[in-house]
Amino acid sequence: MHDRATKEVDYAIGAGTVSVPVCRHCHGDIRRGVQDLDAVPSDTRPGEPYFLGDDKWAVTGYGALVEDLPTALFRYEQARRATTG
């Protein structure tokens, strides 16, 4: 598990970049070159950066990638229910 995100790092996706939040420990590892952002794993999908996952916490960045977390979680659940029947 990661502690609270306190820093952001840039991650290249296609031709652009996205700033993603990381915890203090992971930020230090990335800054020192011990690991790169690709190695900051999802808690549910090991080996994949957490923010590329498809669970509700990944798509919201644990609340850091959306303005209104409760609304984003509600919309996520609505969309999930609509696609699963």
C-alpha atoms as a PDB file:
ATOM      1  CA  MET A   1       0.000   0.000   0.000  1.00  0.00           C
ATOM      2  CA  HIS A   2       1.035   3.565  -0.634  1.00  0.00           C
ATOM      3  CA  ASP A   3       0.672   6.437   1.747  1.00  0.00           C
ATOM      4  CA  ARG A   4      -1.029   9.712   0.813  1.00  0.00           C
ATOM      5  CA  ALA A   5       0.082  11.266  -2.485  1.00  0.00           C
ATOM      6  CA  THR A   6       2.146  14.348  -1.736  1.00  0.00           C
ATOM      7  CA  LYS A   7       3.978  14.949  -5.033  1.00  0.00           C
ATOM      8  CA  GLU A   8       3.345  14.722  -8.753  1.00  0.00           C
ATOM      9  CA  VAL A   9       5.488  13.301 -11.520  1.00  0.00           C
ATOM     10  CA  ASP A  10       5.061  13.493 -15.278  1.00  0.00           C
ATOM     11  CA  TYR A  11       4.241  10.350 -17.237  1.00  0.00           C
ATOM     12  CA  ALA A  12       4.445  10.156 -21.037  1.00  0.00           C
ATOM     13  CA  ILE A  13       1.372   8.755 -22.766  1.00  0.00           C
ATOM     14  CA  GLY A  14       1.510   8.726 -26.534  1.00  0.00           C
ATOM     15  CA  ALA A  15       2.564  12.189 -27.715  1.00  0.00           C
ATOM     16  CA  GLY A  16       1.640  13.903 -24.439  1.00  0.00           C
ATOM     17  CA  THR A  17       2.237  13.762 -20.736  1.00  0.00           C
ATOM     18  CA  VAL A  18       0.051  13.636 -17.679  1.00  0.00           C
ATOM     19  CA  SER A  19       1.019  14.698 -14.176  1.00  0.00           C
ATOM     20  CA  VAL A  20       0.070  11.987 -11.733  1.00  0.00           C
ATOM     21  CA  PRO A  21       0.153  11.992  -7.953  1.00  0.00           C
ATOM     22  CA  VAL A  22       2.566   9.704  -6.142  1.00  0.00           C
ATOM     23  CA  CYS A  23       3.243   9.015  -2.488  1.00  0.00           C
ATOM     24  CA  ARG A  24       6.335  10.322  -0.743  1.00  0.00           C
ATOM     25  CA  HIS A  25       8.151   6.969  -0.877  1.00  0.00           C
ATOM     26  CA  CYS A  26       7.542   6.394  -4.598  1.00  0.00           C
ATOM     27  CA  HIS A  27       8.444   9.996  -5.431  1.00  0.00           C
ATOM     28  CA  GLY A  28      11.789   9.550  -3.689  1.00  0.00           C
ATOM     29  CA  ASP A  29      12.462   6.280  -5.517  1.00  0.00           C
ATOM     30  CA  ILE A  30      11.595   7.855  -8.865  1.00  0.00           C
ATOM     31  CA  ARG A  31      13.712  10.947  -8.180  1.00  0.00           C
ATOM     32  CA  ARG A  32      16.729   8.822  -7.172  1.00  0.00           C
ATOM     33  CA  GLY A  33      16.301   6.560 -10.203  1.00  0.00           C
ATOM     34  CA  VAL A  34      15.597   3.483  -8.069  1.00  0.00           C
ATOM     35  CA  GLN A  35      12.392   2.927 -10.040  1.00  0.00           C
ATOM     36  CA  ASP A  36      10.565   4.726 -12.788  1.00  0.00           C
ATOM     37  CA  LEU A  37       6.892   5.562 -12.811  1.00  0.00           C
ATOM     38  CA  ASP A  38       6.083   2.400 -14.753  1.00  0.00           C
ATOM     39  CA  ALA A  39       7.159   0.467 -11.683  1.00  0.00           C
ATOM     40  CA  VAL A  40       4.745   2.241  -9.304  1.00  0.00           C
ATOM     41  CA  PRO A  41       2.231  -0.570  -9.294  1.00  0.00           C
ATOM     42  CA  SER A  42      -1.479  -0.638  -9.022  1.00  0.00           C
ATOM     43  CA  ASP A  43      -2.695  -2.288  -5.855  1.00  0.00           C
ATOM     44  CA  THR A  44      -5.067  -4.382  -7.986  1.00  0.00           C
ATOM     45  CA  ARG A  45      -2.996  -4.864 -11.166  1.00  0.00           C
ATOM     46  CA  PRO A  46       0.653  -5.530 -10.250  1.00  0.00           C
ATOM     47  CA  GLY A  47       3.179  -4.375 -12.808  1.00  0.00           C
ATOM     48  CA  GLU A  48       0.921  -1.670 -14.215  1.00  0.00           C
ATOM     49  CA  PRO A  49       1.014   1.973 -13.113  1.00  0.00           C
ATOM     50  CA  TYR A  50      -1.979   2.571 -10.855  1.00  0.00           C
ATOM     51  CA  PHE A  51      -3.460   5.355 -12.975  1.00  0.00           C
ATOM     52  CA  LEU A  52      -3.719   3.170 -16.103  1.00  0.00           C
ATOM     53  CA  GLY A  53      -6.002   0.681 -14.401  1.00  0.00           C
ATOM     54  CA  ASP A  54      -9.736   0.558 -14.959  1.00  0.00           C
ATOM     55  CA  ASP A  55     -11.011   0.365 -11.393  1.00  0.00           C
ATOM     56  CA  LYS A  56     -12.718   3.371  -9.815  1.00  0.00           C
ATOM     57  CA  TRP A  57      -9.659   4.392  -7.835  1.00  0.00           C
ATOM     58  CA  ALA A  58      -7.335   4.264 -10.832  1.00  0.00           C
ATOM     59  CA  VAL A  59      -9.561   6.324 -13.108  1.00  0.00           C
ATOM     60  CA  THR A  60      -9.950   8.976 -10.420  1.00  0.00           C
ATOM     61  CA  GLY A  61      -6.332   8.827  -9.242  1.00  0.00           C
ATOM     62  CA  TYR A  62      -7.661   8.150  -5.761  1.00  0.00           C
ATOM     63  CA  GLY A  63      -9.393  11.510  -6.056  1.00  0.00           C
ATOM     64  CA  ALA A  64      -6.408  13.455  -7.366  1.00  0.00           C
ATOM     65  CA  LEU A  65      -7.342  13.344 -11.060  1.00  0.00           C
ATOM     66  CA  VAL A  66     -10.921  14.593 -10.717  1.00  0.00           C
ATOM     67  CA  GLU A  67     -12.450  17.781  -9.369  1.00  0.00           C
ATOM     68  CA  ASP A  68     -15.372  16.120  -7.583  1.00  0.00           C
ATOM     69  CA  LEU A  69     -14.605  12.642  -6.273  1.00  0.00           C
ATOM     70  CA  PRO A  70     -18.116  11.696  -5.072  1.00  0.00           C
ATOM     71  CA  THR A  71     -19.620  12.631  -8.451  1.00  0.00           C
ATOM     72  CA  ALA A  72     -16.861  10.812 -10.340  1.00  0.00           C
ATOM     73  CA  LEU A  73     -17.390   7.658  -8.261  1.00  0.00           C
ATOM     74  CA  PHE A  74     -21.137   7.843  -8.802  1.00  0.00           C
ATOM     75  CA  ARG A  75     -20.680   8.185 -12.582  1.00  0.00           C
ATOM     76  CA  TYR A  76     -18.186   5.321 -12.591  1.00  0.00           C
ATOM     77  CA  GLU A  77     -20.680   3.043 -10.840  1.00  0.00           C
ATOM     78  CA  GLN A  78     -23.471   4.111 -13.214  1.00  0.00           C
ATOM     79  CA  ALA A  79     -21.312   3.347 -16.252  1.00  0.00           C
ATOM     80  CA  ARG A  80     -20.184   0.007 -14.804  1.00  0.00           C
ATOM     81  CA  ARG A  81     -23.757  -1.062 -14.111  1.00  0.00           C
ATOM     82  CA  ALA A  82     -24.859   0.008 -17.595  1.00  0.00           C
ATOM     83  CA  THR A  83     -22.199  -2.181 -19.215  1.00  0.00           C
ATOM     84  CA  THR A  84     -22.660  -5.220 -16.979  1.00  0.00           C
ATOM     85  CA  GLY A  85     -26.401  -5.441 -17.280  1.00  0.00           C
END
